[in-house]
């Protein structure tokens, strides 16, 4: 259970970082 939760949390952090990176690129282009 704990391992699964940590894995899910890790994926969530990665997704947030990717979204932030995309927003940053769009802001830079615009």
C-alpha atoms as a PDB file:
ATOM      1  CA  UNK A   1       0.000   0.000   0.000  1.00  0.00           C
ATOM      2  CA  UNK A   2       2.688   2.487   1.031  1.00  0.00           C
ATOM      3  CA  UNK A   3       4.884   1.665  -1.980  1.00  0.00           C
ATOM      4  CA  UNK A   4       1.894   2.131  -4.294  1.00  0.00           C
ATOM      5  CA  UNK A   5       1.062   5.470  -2.658  1.00  0.00           C
ATOM      6  CA  UNK A   6       4.660   6.699  -2.977  1.00  0.00           C
ATOM      7  CA  UNK A   7       4.749   5.629  -6.633  1.00  0.00           C
ATOM      8  CA  UNK A   8       1.488   7.476  -7.332  1.00  0.00           C
ATOM      9  CA  UNK A   9       2.786  10.569  -5.531  1.00  0.00           C
ATOM     10  CA  UNK A  10       5.975  10.441  -7.611  1.00  0.00           C
ATOM     11  CA  UNK A  11       4.004  10.281 -10.854  1.00  0.00           C
ATOM     12  CA  UNK A  12       1.861  13.197  -9.681  1.00  0.00           C
ATOM     13  CA  UNK A  13       4.963  15.324  -8.998  1.00  0.00           C
ATOM     14  CA  UNK A  14       6.377  14.451 -12.432  1.00  0.00           C
ATOM     15  CA  UNK A  15       3.089  15.373 -14.115  1.00  0.00           C
ATOM     16  CA  UNK A  16       3.006  18.724 -12.283  1.00  0.00           C
ATOM     17  CA  UNK A  17       6.597  19.464 -13.366  1.00  0.00           C
ATOM     18  CA  UNK A  18       5.746  18.620 -16.998  1.00  0.00           C
ATOM     19  CA  UNK A  19       2.660  20.861 -16.942  1.00  0.00           C
ATOM     20  CA  UNK A  20       4.681  23.725 -15.437  1.00  0.00           C
ATOM     21  CA  UNK A  21       7.361  23.262 -18.125  1.00  0.00           C
ATOM     22  CA  UNK A  22       4.740  23.353 -20.912  1.00  0.00           C
ATOM     23  CA  UNK A  23       3.133  26.496 -19.459  1.00  0.00           C
ATOM     24  CA  UNK A  24       6.582  28.106 -19.221  1.00  0.00           C
ATOM     25  CA  UNK A  25       7.333  27.305 -22.880  1.00  0.00           C
ATOM     26  CA  UNK A  26       3.946  28.655 -24.013  1.00  0.00           C
ATOM     27  CA  UNK A  27       4.511  31.830 -21.976  1.00  0.00           C
ATOM     28  CA  UNK A  28       7.989  32.235 -23.498  1.00  0.00           C
ATOM     29  CA  UNK A  29       6.641  31.768 -27.048  1.00  0.00           C
ATOM     30  CA  UNK A  30       3.710  34.118 -26.435  1.00  0.00           C
END
